[in-house]
Amino acid sequence: MHILTTPGELVRPQQADWQVELRQAVRDGRELCRRLGLPSERAGPAGQFPVFVPPSFLARMRCGDADDPLLRQVLPGAEETVEVPGFSADPVGDAAAAWQAGVLQKYAGRVLLVTTGACAVHCRYCFRRHFPYQELPRGDAAWEDALATIAADTSISEVILSGGDPLMLVDQRLRWLLERIAAVPHVARLRVHTRLPIVIPTRVTEELLAAFSALRLPTTVVLHANHAQELNDQVARSVDCLRGAGVLLLNQAVLLRGVNDSVVAQQTLSERLLAVGVLPYYLHQLDRVTGAAHFEVPVVEGKQIVAALRERLPGYLVPTYVQEVPGEPSKTVL
């Protein structure tokens, strides 16, 4: 798999660069501020959810801008320590939906595998920031029970890989898991929810592309970009490679105060997504996880933003505004 960047120039997807980026990630809020030319006191305590920002994502932030929309997603602030009624450690009911360790079922015909607790970036609004990842199966053999459960239940037509981020698994292990899922006759679709091609575009390796290309299952990769500034040329090239592997690409964003809570920000995001080959899918109302209350935008304001988008954009560029309500049989459209 190759991609054309300029006439006559072929670029191959990178191989191990993404793992180097992980090792080079910034792990301290004060250091993050220092690299952006900001006072170190801008960083609050990270608590039990540490800072983690890889160099390629950091490079897209504006130096000297404390309100940069990418920085706001990853820099801990004092607001995280404020307890707000209605916010909890499990805002979407993961515990109640658990079949067994690492396997969730919330909606008919679909199961979700929490494949890993690792992510390429720690978003401060993450709804699984308090998830008991230590209970997940360890190693391929530990997933056998989950795979046997899927194989025994013919009502399951779609398997969703989530996390953490499933693309944090190395290519060999991920391919093993994909092939095992695809071998179940009644599984008709595969979905992968990932932020890695956005945060570290070099994660889209030739081995990953080959794994997707070889699957019998129609495969959808749901990316997670919240702001157009995240979608640079590197991301566009990696997205192009995924499209070339036959993957359907969608995007889900979270409506975040100070990041994308304006009509202009949402319009620019949708237009940039289309330009790189990704369709807007969902705009999520913030999951009310402890420590993220300062990101919340009132639903009435979110509805106004989406209504304005409908007046400015064709329907296929307007994401569906949804909220996950624990116990409901589907996402709630707002």
C-alpha atoms as a PDB file:
ATOM      1  CA  MET A   1       0.000   0.000   0.000  1.00  0.00           C
ATOM      2  CA  HIS A   2       1.415   3.354  -1.094  1.00  0.00           C
ATOM      3  CA  ILE A   3       0.024   6.845  -1.293  1.00  0.00           C
ATOM      4  CA  LEU A   4       0.720   9.674  -3.680  1.00  0.00           C
ATOM      5  CA  THR A   5       1.536  12.985  -2.001  1.00  0.00           C
ATOM      6  CA  THR A   6       2.937  15.105  -4.816  1.00  0.00           C
ATOM      7  CA  PRO A   7       3.337  14.189  -8.494  1.00  0.00           C
ATOM      8  CA  GLY A   8       5.880  11.411  -8.793  1.00  0.00           C
ATOM      9  CA  GLU A   9       6.353  10.994  -5.041  1.00  0.00           C
ATOM     10  CA  LEU A  10       5.266   7.767  -3.361  1.00  0.00           C
ATOM     11  CA  VAL A  11       5.264   7.503   0.419  1.00  0.00           C
ATOM     12  CA  ARG A  12       5.044   4.200   2.251  1.00  0.00           C
ATOM     13  CA  PRO A  13       3.190   3.927   5.544  1.00  0.00           C
ATOM     14  CA  GLN A  14       5.621   3.988   8.469  1.00  0.00           C
ATOM     15  CA  GLN A  15       6.499   0.881  10.409  1.00  0.00           C
ATOM     16  CA  ALA A  16       7.725   1.239  14.004  1.00  0.00           C
ATOM     17  CA  ASP A  17       7.665   5.042  14.275  1.00  0.00           C
ATOM     18  CA  TRP A  18       4.431   4.999  16.255  1.00  0.00           C
ATOM     19  CA  GLN A  19       6.003   3.010  19.091  1.00  0.00           C
ATOM     20  CA  VAL A  20       8.894   5.479  19.231  1.00  0.00           C
ATOM     21  CA  GLU A  21       6.355   8.278  19.588  1.00  0.00           C
ATOM     22  CA  LEU A  22       4.746   6.496  22.497  1.00  0.00           C
ATOM     23  CA  ARG A  23       8.084   6.295  24.288  1.00  0.00           C
ATOM     24  CA  GLN A  24       8.669  10.011  23.645  1.00  0.00           C
ATOM     25  CA  ALA A  25       5.267  11.139  24.926  1.00  0.00           C
ATOM     26  CA  VAL A  26       5.086  14.009  27.405  1.00  0.00           C
ATOM     27  CA  ARG A  27       3.939  12.685  30.767  1.00  0.00           C
ATOM     28  CA  ASP A  28       3.879  15.838  32.875  1.00  0.00           C
ATOM     29  CA  GLY A  29       1.550  18.828  32.622  1.00  0.00           C
ATOM     30  CA  ARG A  30       4.240  21.309  33.592  1.00  0.00           C
ATOM     31  CA  GLU A  31       6.561  19.960  30.907  1.00  0.00           C
ATOM     32  CA  LEU A  32       3.734  20.226  28.401  1.00  0.00           C
ATOM     33  CA  CYS A  33       3.321  23.890  29.298  1.00  0.00           C
ATOM     34  CA  ARG A  34       7.053  24.497  29.095  1.00  0.00           C
ATOM     35  CA  ARG A  35       7.222  23.115  25.562  1.00  0.00           C
ATOM     36  CA  LEU A  36       4.401  25.414  24.500  1.00  0.00           C
ATOM     37  CA  GLY A  37       5.885  28.510  26.134  1.00  0.00           C
ATOM     38  CA  LEU A  38       3.207  28.707  28.832  1.00  0.00           C
ATOM     39  CA  PRO A  39       3.569  29.242  32.593  1.00  0.00           C
ATOM     40  CA  SER A  40       3.894  25.909  34.374  1.00  0.00           C
ATOM     41  CA  GLU A  41       1.146  26.881  36.828  1.00  0.00           C
ATOM     42  CA  ARG A  42      -1.367  26.465  33.987  1.00  0.00           C
ATOM     43  CA  ALA A  43      -1.120  22.728  34.674  1.00  0.00           C
ATOM     44  CA  GLY A  44      -3.199  21.333  37.496  1.00  0.00           C
ATOM     45  CA  PRO A  45      -2.768  18.015  39.299  1.00  0.00           C
ATOM     46  CA  ALA A  46      -3.276  14.982  37.061  1.00  0.00           C
ATOM     47  CA  GLY A  47      -4.258  12.736  39.957  1.00  0.00           C
ATOM     48  CA  GLN A  48      -4.703   9.065  39.054  1.00  0.00           C
ATOM     49  CA  PHE A  49      -5.204   9.886  35.348  1.00  0.00           C
ATOM     50  CA  PRO A  50      -1.714  10.823  34.175  1.00  0.00           C
ATOM     51  CA  VAL A  51      -0.791  13.174  31.345  1.00  0.00           C
ATOM     52  CA  PHE A  52       0.153  11.443  28.096  1.00  0.00           C
ATOM     53  CA  VAL A  53       0.715  13.440  24.893  1.00  0.00           C
ATOM     54  CA  PRO A  54       2.806  12.114  21.967  1.00  0.00           C
ATOM     55  CA  PRO A  55       5.050  14.490  19.986  1.00  0.00           C
ATOM     56  CA  SER A  56       3.000  14.486  16.761  1.00  0.00           C
ATOM     57  CA  PHE A  57      -0.129  15.630  18.584  1.00  0.00           C
ATOM     58  CA  LEU A  58       1.822  18.201  20.585  1.00  0.00           C
ATOM     59  CA  ALA A  59       3.246  19.609  17.332  1.00  0.00           C
ATOM     60  CA  ARG A  60      -0.266  20.616  16.220  1.00  0.00           C
ATOM     61  CA  MET A  61      -0.777  22.873  19.239  1.00  0.00           C
ATOM     62  CA  ARG A  62      -0.176  26.615  19.035  1.00  0.00           C
ATOM     63  CA  CYS A  63       2.745  27.832  21.138  1.00  0.00           C
ATOM     64  CA  GLY A  64       1.833  30.494  23.685  1.00  0.00           C
ATOM     65  CA  ASP A  65      -1.917  29.858  23.393  1.00  0.00           C
ATOM     66  CA  ALA A  66      -3.383  28.655  26.668  1.00  0.00           C
ATOM     67  CA  ASP A  67      -6.766  28.231  24.957  1.00  0.00           C
ATOM     68  CA  ASP A  68      -5.505  26.051  22.136  1.00  0.00           C
ATOM     69  CA  PRO A  69      -8.310  23.508  21.460  1.00  0.00           C
ATOM     70  CA  LEU A  70      -5.940  20.550  21.384  1.00  0.00           C
ATOM     71  CA  LEU A  71      -4.151  21.590  24.557  1.00  0.00           C
ATOM     72  CA  ARG A  72      -7.449  21.984  26.408  1.00  0.00           C
ATOM     73  CA  GLN A  73      -8.242  18.329  25.701  1.00  0.00           C
ATOM     74  CA  VAL A  74      -5.093  16.990  27.367  1.00  0.00           C
ATOM     75  CA  LEU A  75      -3.875  19.486  29.986  1.00  0.00           C
ATOM     76  CA  PRO A  76      -5.129  18.755  33.523  1.00  0.00           C
ATOM     77  CA  GLY A  77      -6.665  21.660  35.384  1.00  0.00           C
ATOM     78  CA  ALA A  78      -7.739  22.379  38.921  1.00  0.00           C
ATOM     79  CA  GLU A  79     -11.361  21.956  37.763  1.00  0.00           C
ATOM     80  CA  GLU A  80     -10.839  18.190  37.647  1.00  0.00           C
ATOM     81  CA  THR A  81     -10.652  18.027  41.426  1.00  0.00           C
ATOM     82  CA  VAL A  82     -14.065  19.651  41.926  1.00  0.00           C
ATOM     83  CA  GLU A  83     -16.822  17.179  42.777  1.00  0.00           C
ATOM     84  CA  VAL A  84     -20.009  17.975  40.846  1.00  0.00           C
ATOM     85  CA  PRO A  85     -23.359  16.261  41.529  1.00  0.00           C
ATOM     86  CA  GLY A  86     -24.487  14.013  38.681  1.00  0.00           C
ATOM     87  CA  PHE A  87     -20.954  13.125  37.590  1.00  0.00           C
ATOM     88  CA  SER A  88     -19.691   9.616  38.353  1.00  0.00           C
ATOM     89  CA  ALA A  89     -16.916   7.108  37.696  1.00  0.00           C
ATOM     90  CA  ASP A  90     -19.131   5.026  35.363  1.00  0.00           C
ATOM     91  CA  PRO A  91     -21.396   7.487  33.526  1.00  0.00           C
ATOM     92  CA  VAL A  92     -22.400   5.132  30.685  1.00  0.00           C
ATOM     93  CA  GLY A  93     -23.168   2.000  32.697  1.00  0.00           C
ATOM     94  CA  ASP A  94     -20.224  -0.140  31.608  1.00  0.00           C
ATOM     95  CA  ALA A  95     -20.315  -2.192  34.805  1.00  0.00           C
ATOM     96  CA  ALA A  96     -23.970  -3.123  34.349  1.00  0.00           C
ATOM     97  CA  ALA A  97     -23.345  -4.070  30.701  1.00  0.00           C
ATOM     98  CA  ALA A  98     -20.417  -6.418  31.404  1.00  0.00           C
ATOM     99  CA  TRP A  99     -20.947 -10.017  30.307  1.00  0.00           C
ATOM    100  CA  GLN A 100     -17.538 -11.058  31.512  1.00  0.00           C
ATOM    101  CA  ALA A 101     -14.132  -9.432  31.847  1.00  0.00           C
ATOM    102  CA  GLY A 102     -13.559  -7.190  28.838  1.00  0.00           C
ATOM    103  CA  VAL A 103     -16.880  -7.938  27.123  1.00  0.00           C
ATOM    104  CA  LEU A 104     -19.787  -5.476  27.177  1.00  0.00           C
ATOM    105  CA  GLN A 105     -23.221  -5.705  25.595  1.00  0.00           C
ATOM    106  CA  LYS A 106     -25.469  -2.652  25.632  1.00  0.00           C
ATOM    107  CA  TYR A 107     -27.348  -3.005  22.354  1.00  0.00           C
ATOM    108  CA  ALA A 108     -29.006  -5.952  20.619  1.00  0.00           C
ATOM    109  CA  GLY A 109     -26.853  -7.865  18.164  1.00  0.00           C
ATOM    110  CA  ARG A 110     -23.616  -6.122  19.133  1.00  0.00           C
ATOM    111  CA  VAL A 111     -20.871  -6.813  21.628  1.00  0.00           C
ATOM    112  CA  LEU A 112     -17.928  -4.615  22.530  1.00  0.00           C
ATOM    113  CA  LEU A 113     -14.500  -5.885  23.485  1.00  0.00           C
ATOM    114  CA  VAL A 114     -12.460  -3.595  25.732  1.00  0.00           C
ATOM    115  CA  THR A 115      -9.211  -4.808  24.224  1.00  0.00           C
ATOM    116  CA  THR A 116      -6.726  -2.769  26.259  1.00  0.00           C
ATOM    117  CA  GLY A 117      -6.522   0.032  28.775  1.00  0.00           C
ATOM    118  CA  ALA A 118      -3.757   1.803  26.868  1.00  0.00           C
ATOM    119  CA  CYS A 119      -4.279   4.927  24.759  1.00  0.00           C
ATOM    120  CA  ALA A 120      -2.001   7.093  22.619  1.00  0.00           C
ATOM    121  CA  VAL A 121      -3.256  10.243  24.334  1.00  0.00           C
ATOM    122  CA  HIS A 122      -5.050  10.853  27.622  1.00  0.00           C
ATOM    123  CA  CYS A 123      -8.083  13.018  26.948  1.00  0.00           C
ATOM    124  CA  ARG A 124      -9.216  14.706  30.146  1.00  0.00           C
ATOM    125  CA  TYR A 125     -12.916  14.087  29.363  1.00  0.00           C
ATOM    126  CA  CYS A 126     -12.457  10.323  28.812  1.00  0.00           C
ATOM    127  CA  PHE A 127     -15.552   8.468  30.024  1.00  0.00           C
ATOM    128  CA  ARG A 128     -13.428   5.398  30.856  1.00  0.00           C
ATOM    129  CA  ARG A 129     -10.785   7.266  32.848  1.00  0.00           C
ATOM    130  CA  HIS A 130     -11.925   5.305  35.940  1.00  0.00           C
ATOM    131  CA  PHE A 131     -12.540   1.948  34.195  1.00  0.00           C
ATOM    132  CA  PRO A 132     -11.082  -1.142  35.997  1.00  0.00           C
ATOM    133  CA  TYR A 133      -8.636  -1.987  33.207  1.00  0.00           C
ATOM    134  CA  GLN A 134      -6.648  -4.203  35.582  1.00  0.00           C
ATOM    135  CA  GLU A 135      -9.440  -6.783  35.243  1.00  0.00           C
ATOM    136  CA  LEU A 136      -9.069  -7.172  31.464  1.00  0.00           C
ATOM    137  CA  PRO A 137      -7.857 -10.482  29.987  1.00  0.00           C
ATOM    138  CA  ARG A 138      -4.070 -10.606  29.588  1.00  0.00           C
ATOM    139  CA  GLY A 139      -2.591 -12.314  26.534  1.00  0.00           C
ATOM    140  CA  ASP A 140      -4.252 -14.063  23.604  1.00  0.00           C
ATOM    141  CA  ALA A 141      -5.228 -17.169  25.560  1.00  0.00           C
ATOM    142  CA  ALA A 142      -7.134 -15.061  28.069  1.00  0.00           C
ATOM    143  CA  TRP A 143      -9.503 -13.917  25.310  1.00  0.00           C
ATOM    144  CA  GLU A 144     -10.569 -17.478  24.474  1.00  0.00           C
ATOM    145  CA  ASP A 145     -13.572 -17.371  26.823  1.00  0.00           C
ATOM    146  CA  ALA A 146     -14.819 -14.125  25.289  1.00  0.00           C
ATOM    147  CA  LEU A 147     -14.388 -15.457  21.754  1.00  0.00           C
ATOM    148  CA  ALA A 148     -16.185 -18.673  22.725  1.00  0.00           C
ATOM    149  CA  THR A 149     -19.075 -16.619  24.117  1.00  0.00           C
ATOM    150  CA  ILE A 150     -19.371 -14.713  20.818  1.00  0.00           C
ATOM    151  CA  ALA A 151     -19.207 -17.939  18.810  1.00  0.00           C
ATOM    152  CA  ALA A 152     -21.952 -19.535  20.920  1.00  0.00           C
ATOM    153  CA  ASP A 153     -24.430 -16.640  20.572  1.00  0.00           C
ATOM    154  CA  THR A 154     -25.844 -16.497  17.057  1.00  0.00           C
ATOM    155  CA  SER A 155     -27.701 -13.249  17.838  1.00  0.00           C
ATOM    156  CA  ILE A 156     -24.385 -11.383  17.659  1.00  0.00           C
ATOM    157  CA  SER A 157     -23.873  -9.896  14.198  1.00  0.00           C
ATOM    158  CA  GLU A 158     -21.344  -7.159  14.997  1.00  0.00           C
ATOM    159  CA  VAL A 159     -18.231  -7.040  17.141  1.00  0.00           C
ATOM    160  CA  ILE A 160     -16.820  -3.679  18.221  1.00  0.00           C
ATOM    161  CA  LEU A 161     -13.222  -3.276  19.334  1.00  0.00           C
ATOM    162  CA  SER A 162     -12.690  -0.480  21.823  1.00  0.00           C
ATOM    163  CA  GLY A 163     -10.534   0.317  24.821  1.00  0.00           C
ATOM    164  CA  GLY A 164      -8.449   2.209  25.707  1.00  0.00           C
ATOM    165  CA  ASP A 165      -7.557   2.041  22.043  1.00  0.00           C
ATOM    166  CA  PRO A 166      -7.471  -1.281  20.177  1.00  0.00           C
ATOM    167  CA  LEU A 167      -4.753  -0.019  17.815  1.00  0.00           C
ATOM    168  CA  MET A 168      -2.408   0.102  20.800  1.00  0.00           C
ATOM    169  CA  LEU A 169      -2.137  -3.657  20.265  1.00  0.00           C
ATOM    170  CA  VAL A 170       0.831  -4.531  18.085  1.00  0.00           C
ATOM    171  CA  ASP A 171      -0.025  -5.597  14.537  1.00  0.00           C
ATOM    172  CA  GLN A 172       0.574  -9.309  15.071  1.00  0.00           C
ATOM    173  CA  ARG A 173      -1.692  -9.521  18.097  1.00  0.00           C
ATOM    174  CA  LEU A 174      -4.369  -7.332  16.547  1.00  0.00           C
ATOM    175  CA  ARG A 175      -4.396  -9.446  13.398  1.00  0.00           C
ATOM    176  CA  TRP A 176      -4.833 -12.598  15.491  1.00  0.00           C
ATOM    177  CA  LEU A 177      -7.854 -11.082  17.204  1.00  0.00           C
ATOM    178  CA  LEU A 178      -9.368  -9.829  13.932  1.00  0.00           C
ATOM    179  CA  GLU A 179      -8.975 -13.220  12.298  1.00  0.00           C
ATOM    180  CA  ARG A 180     -10.549 -15.023  15.248  1.00  0.00           C
ATOM    181  CA  ILE A 181     -13.566 -12.725  15.168  1.00  0.00           C
ATOM    182  CA  ALA A 182     -13.903 -13.040  11.388  1.00  0.00           C
ATOM    183  CA  ALA A 183     -13.880 -16.833  11.714  1.00  0.00           C
ATOM    184  CA  VAL A 184     -17.229 -16.759  13.565  1.00  0.00           C
ATOM    185  CA  PRO A 185     -19.812 -17.433  10.815  1.00  0.00           C
ATOM    186  CA  HIS A 186     -22.660 -15.345  12.224  1.00  0.00           C
ATOM    187  CA  VAL A 187     -20.532 -12.221  12.782  1.00  0.00           C
ATOM    188  CA  ALA A 188     -21.316 -10.022   9.773  1.00  0.00           C
ATOM    189  CA  ARG A 189     -19.608  -6.752  10.662  1.00  0.00           C
ATOM    190  CA  LEU A 190     -16.558  -5.485  12.471  1.00  0.00           C
ATOM    191  CA  ARG A 191     -16.108  -2.035  13.968  1.00  0.00           C
ATOM    192  CA  VAL A 192     -12.947  -0.511  15.424  1.00  0.00           C
ATOM    193  CA  HIS A 193     -13.081   2.634  17.551  1.00  0.00           C
ATOM    194  CA  THR A 194      -9.713   4.360  17.592  1.00  0.00           C
ATOM    195  CA  ARG A 195      -8.025   7.719  18.040  1.00  0.00           C
ATOM    196  CA  LEU A 196      -4.571   6.511  17.035  1.00  0.00           C
ATOM    197  CA  PRO A 197      -4.631   7.404  13.305  1.00  0.00           C
ATOM    198  CA  ILE A 198      -5.465  10.949  14.441  1.00  0.00           C
ATOM    199  CA  VAL A 199      -3.007  11.244  17.311  1.00  0.00           C
ATOM    200  CA  ILE A 200      -0.115   9.225  15.821  1.00  0.00           C
ATOM    201  CA  PRO A 201      -0.731   8.870  12.066  1.00  0.00           C
ATOM    202  CA  THR A 202       2.265   6.557  11.624  1.00  0.00           C
ATOM    203  CA  ARG A 203       0.275   3.881  13.461  1.00  0.00           C
ATOM    204  CA  VAL A 204      -1.245   3.062  10.062  1.00  0.00           C
ATOM    205  CA  THR A 205       1.407   0.550   9.036  1.00  0.00           C
ATOM    206  CA  GLU A 206       1.538  -1.793   6.059  1.00  0.00           C
ATOM    207  CA  GLU A 207       0.917  -4.704   8.418  1.00  0.00           C
ATOM    208  CA  LEU A 208      -2.209  -3.043   9.787  1.00  0.00           C
ATOM    209  CA  LEU A 209      -3.493  -2.318   6.292  1.00  0.00           C
ATOM    210  CA  ALA A 210      -2.857  -5.918   5.242  1.00  0.00           C
ATOM    211  CA  ALA A 211      -4.788  -7.166   8.280  1.00  0.00           C
ATOM    212  CA  PHE A 212      -7.829  -5.073   7.367  1.00  0.00           C
ATOM    213  CA  SER A 213      -7.597  -5.933   3.660  1.00  0.00           C
ATOM    214  CA  ALA A 214      -7.565  -9.667   4.358  1.00  0.00           C
ATOM    215  CA  LEU A 215     -10.771  -9.717   6.424  1.00  0.00           C
ATOM    216  CA  ARG A 216     -13.960 -11.187   4.989  1.00  0.00           C
ATOM    217  CA  LEU A 217     -15.976  -8.817   7.177  1.00  0.00           C
ATOM    218  CA  PRO A 218     -17.050  -5.319   6.149  1.00  0.00           C
ATOM    219  CA  THR A 219     -14.952  -3.191   8.473  1.00  0.00           C
ATOM    220  CA  THR A 220     -15.742   0.271   9.814  1.00  0.00           C
ATOM    221  CA  VAL A 221     -13.124   2.342  11.583  1.00  0.00           C
ATOM    222  CA  VAL A 222     -14.649   5.061  13.750  1.00  0.00           C
ATOM    223  CA  LEU A 223     -12.089   7.786  14.329  1.00  0.00           C
ATOM    224  CA  HIS A 224     -12.231  10.425  17.053  1.00  0.00           C
ATOM    225  CA  ALA A 225     -11.326  13.989  16.113  1.00  0.00           C
ATOM    226  CA  ASN A 226     -12.879  16.926  17.939  1.00  0.00           C
ATOM    227  CA  HIS A 227     -11.341  19.841  16.078  1.00  0.00           C
ATOM    228  CA  ALA A 228     -10.188  20.519  12.518  1.00  0.00           C
ATOM    229  CA  GLN A 229      -6.730  21.430  13.829  1.00  0.00           C
ATOM    230  CA  GLU A 230      -6.200  17.741  14.602  1.00  0.00           C
ATOM    231  CA  LEU A 231      -6.486  16.789  10.925  1.00  0.00           C
ATOM    232  CA  ASN A 232      -3.137  17.700   9.425  1.00  0.00           C
ATOM    233  CA  ASP A 233      -1.550  16.364   6.235  1.00  0.00           C
ATOM    234  CA  GLN A 234      -0.048  13.355   8.012  1.00  0.00           C
ATOM    235  CA  VAL A 235      -3.487  12.344   9.219  1.00  0.00           C
ATOM    236  CA  ALA A 236      -4.872  12.805   5.704  1.00  0.00           C
ATOM    237  CA  ARG A 237      -2.236  10.456   4.279  1.00  0.00           C
ATOM    238  CA  SER A 238      -2.934   7.770   6.872  1.00  0.00           C
ATOM    239  CA  VAL A 239      -6.675   8.061   6.322  1.00  0.00           C
ATOM    240  CA  ASP A 240      -6.074   7.655   2.596  1.00  0.00           C
ATOM    241  CA  CYS A 241      -4.197   4.428   3.278  1.00  0.00           C
ATOM    242  CA  LEU A 242      -7.068   3.081   5.379  1.00  0.00           C
ATOM    243  CA  ARG A 243      -9.545   3.902   2.636  1.00  0.00           C
ATOM    244  CA  GLY A 244      -7.309   2.057   0.193  1.00  0.00           C
ATOM    245  CA  ALA A 245      -7.569  -1.015   2.433  1.00  0.00           C
ATOM    246  CA  GLY A 246     -11.345  -1.022   1.963  1.00  0.00           C
ATOM    247  CA  VAL A 247     -12.238   0.406   5.361  1.00  0.00           C
ATOM    248  CA  LEU A 248     -15.288   2.631   5.854  1.00  0.00           C
ATOM    249  CA  LEU A 249     -14.217   5.698   7.848  1.00  0.00           C
ATOM    250  CA  LEU A 250     -16.502   7.617  10.181  1.00  0.00           C
ATOM    251  CA  ASN A 251     -15.795  10.196  12.862  1.00  0.00           C
ATOM    252  CA  GLN A 252     -17.283  10.736  16.251  1.00  0.00           C
ATOM    253  CA  ALA A 253     -16.615  13.864  18.266  1.00  0.00           C
ATOM    254  CA  VAL A 254     -17.530  15.007  21.743  1.00  0.00           C
ATOM    255  CA  LEU A 255     -19.057  18.449  22.263  1.00  0.00           C
ATOM    256  CA  LEU A 256     -16.569  20.146  24.577  1.00  0.00           C
ATOM    257  CA  ARG A 257     -16.655  23.552  26.235  1.00  0.00           C
ATOM    258  CA  GLY A 258     -13.742  25.654  25.018  1.00  0.00           C
ATOM    259  CA  VAL A 259     -12.791  23.184  22.292  1.00  0.00           C
ATOM    260  CA  ASN A 260     -15.522  22.911  19.673  1.00  0.00           C
ATOM    261  CA  ASP A 261     -18.620  24.522  21.196  1.00  0.00           C
ATOM    262  CA  SER A 262     -19.339  26.867  18.294  1.00  0.00           C
ATOM    263  CA  VAL A 263     -20.988  26.610  14.910  1.00  0.00           C
ATOM    264  CA  VAL A 264     -17.778  27.666  13.176  1.00  0.00           C
ATOM    265  CA  ALA A 265     -15.695  25.002  14.927  1.00  0.00           C
ATOM    266  CA  GLN A 266     -18.188  22.267  14.115  1.00  0.00           C
ATOM    267  CA  GLN A 267     -18.625  23.381  10.511  1.00  0.00           C
ATOM    268  CA  THR A 268     -14.875  23.552   9.956  1.00  0.00           C
ATOM    269  CA  LEU A 269     -14.449  20.100  11.492  1.00  0.00           C
ATOM    270  CA  SER A 270     -17.092  18.543   9.229  1.00  0.00           C
ATOM    271  CA  GLU A 271     -15.675  20.169   6.125  1.00  0.00           C
ATOM    272  CA  ARG A 272     -12.129  19.131   6.965  1.00  0.00           C
ATOM    273  CA  LEU A 273     -13.245  15.567   7.696  1.00  0.00           C
ATOM    274  CA  LEU A 274     -14.803  15.285   4.258  1.00  0.00           C
ATOM    275  CA  ALA A 275     -11.678  16.765   2.672  1.00  0.00           C
ATOM    276  CA  VAL A 276      -9.569  13.951   4.131  1.00  0.00           C
ATOM    277  CA  GLY A 277     -12.134  11.232   3.340  1.00  0.00           C
ATOM    278  CA  VAL A 278     -14.038  10.746   6.600  1.00  0.00           C
ATOM    279  CA  LEU A 279     -17.767  11.228   7.173  1.00  0.00           C
ATOM    280  CA  PRO A 280     -19.083  12.872  10.368  1.00  0.00           C
ATOM    281  CA  TYR A 281     -21.053  10.251  12.315  1.00  0.00           C
ATOM    282  CA  TYR A 282     -21.828  11.251  15.899  1.00  0.00           C
ATOM    283  CA  LEU A 283     -21.486  14.384  17.955  1.00  0.00           C
ATOM    284  CA  HIS A 284     -21.668  13.119  21.531  1.00  0.00           C
ATOM    285  CA  GLN A 285     -23.034  15.036  24.441  1.00  0.00           C
ATOM    286  CA  LEU A 286     -20.361  14.783  27.137  1.00  0.00           C
ATOM    287  CA  ASP A 287     -20.529  11.615  29.208  1.00  0.00           C
ATOM    288  CA  ARG A 288     -20.751  12.868  32.779  1.00  0.00           C
ATOM    289  CA  VAL A 289     -17.577  11.311  34.128  1.00  0.00           C
ATOM    290  CA  THR A 290     -16.057  12.533  37.378  1.00  0.00           C
ATOM    291  CA  GLY A 291     -13.448  15.201  36.694  1.00  0.00           C
ATOM    292  CA  ALA A 292     -14.882  16.445  33.380  1.00  0.00           C
ATOM    293  CA  ALA A 293     -17.741  18.727  34.423  1.00  0.00           C
ATOM    294  CA  HIS A 294     -15.935  21.833  33.146  1.00  0.00           C
ATOM    295  CA  PHE A 295     -16.182  20.457  29.594  1.00  0.00           C
ATOM    296  CA  GLU A 296     -19.967  20.145  29.632  1.00  0.00           C
ATOM    297  CA  VAL A 297     -22.050  22.156  27.156  1.00  0.00           C
ATOM    298  CA  PRO A 298     -25.796  22.367  27.923  1.00  0.00           C
ATOM    299  CA  VAL A 299     -27.940  20.237  25.609  1.00  0.00           C
ATOM    300  CA  VAL A 300     -30.012  23.244  24.577  1.00  0.00           C
ATOM    301  CA  GLU A 301     -26.831  24.927  23.352  1.00  0.00           C
ATOM    302  CA  GLY A 302     -25.739  21.784  21.525  1.00  0.00           C
ATOM    303  CA  LYS A 303     -29.097  21.622  19.743  1.00  0.00           C
ATOM    304  CA  GLN A 304     -28.705  25.214  18.627  1.00  0.00           C
ATOM    305  CA  ILE A 305     -25.268  24.453  17.178  1.00  0.00           C
ATOM    306  CA  VAL A 306     -26.551  21.433  15.262  1.00  0.00           C
ATOM    307  CA  ALA A 307     -29.585  23.348  13.974  1.00  0.00           C
ATOM    308  CA  ALA A 308     -27.252  26.037  12.644  1.00  0.00           C
ATOM    309  CA  LEU A 309     -25.105  23.382  10.975  1.00  0.00           C
ATOM    310  CA  ARG A 310     -28.161  22.088   9.102  1.00  0.00           C
ATOM    311  CA  GLU A 311     -28.649  25.545   7.649  1.00  0.00           C
ATOM    312  CA  ARG A 312     -25.026  25.738   6.485  1.00  0.00           C
ATOM    313  CA  LEU A 313     -24.118  22.205   5.410  1.00  0.00           C
ATOM    314  CA  PRO A 314     -25.562  19.328   3.380  1.00  0.00           C
ATOM    315  CA  GLY A 315     -27.161  16.660   5.534  1.00  0.00           C
ATOM    316  CA  TYR A 316     -24.347  14.151   5.142  1.00  0.00           C
ATOM    317  CA  LEU A 317     -21.949  16.601   6.812  1.00  0.00           C
ATOM    318  CA  VAL A 318     -24.114  17.147   9.894  1.00  0.00           C
ATOM    319  CA  PRO A 319     -23.280  14.601  12.624  1.00  0.00           C
ATOM    320  CA  THR A 320     -26.107  13.072  14.619  1.00  0.00           C
ATOM    321  CA  TYR A 321     -26.186  14.699  18.057  1.00  0.00           C
ATOM    322  CA  VAL A 322     -26.532  11.888  20.605  1.00  0.00           C
ATOM    323  CA  GLN A 323     -26.239  11.023  24.259  1.00  0.00           C
ATOM    324  CA  GLU A 324     -25.552   7.641  25.801  1.00  0.00           C
ATOM    325  CA  VAL A 325     -28.094   6.940  28.518  1.00  0.00           C
ATOM    326  CA  PRO A 326     -27.348   3.821  30.599  1.00  0.00           C
ATOM    327  CA  GLY A 327     -29.926   1.078  30.101  1.00  0.00           C
ATOM    328  CA  GLU A 328     -31.442   2.502  26.921  1.00  0.00           C
ATOM    329  CA  PRO A 329     -31.555   0.160  23.862  1.00  0.00           C
ATOM    330  CA  SER A 330     -29.739   2.679  21.639  1.00  0.00           C
ATOM    331  CA  LYS A 331     -28.054   6.059  21.675  1.00  0.00           C
ATOM    332  CA  THR A 332     -30.552   8.836  22.424  1.00  0.00           C
ATOM    333  CA  VAL A 333     -30.813  11.359  19.586  1.00  0.00           C
ATOM    334  CA  LEU A 334     -30.969  14.887  20.950  1.00  0.00           C
END
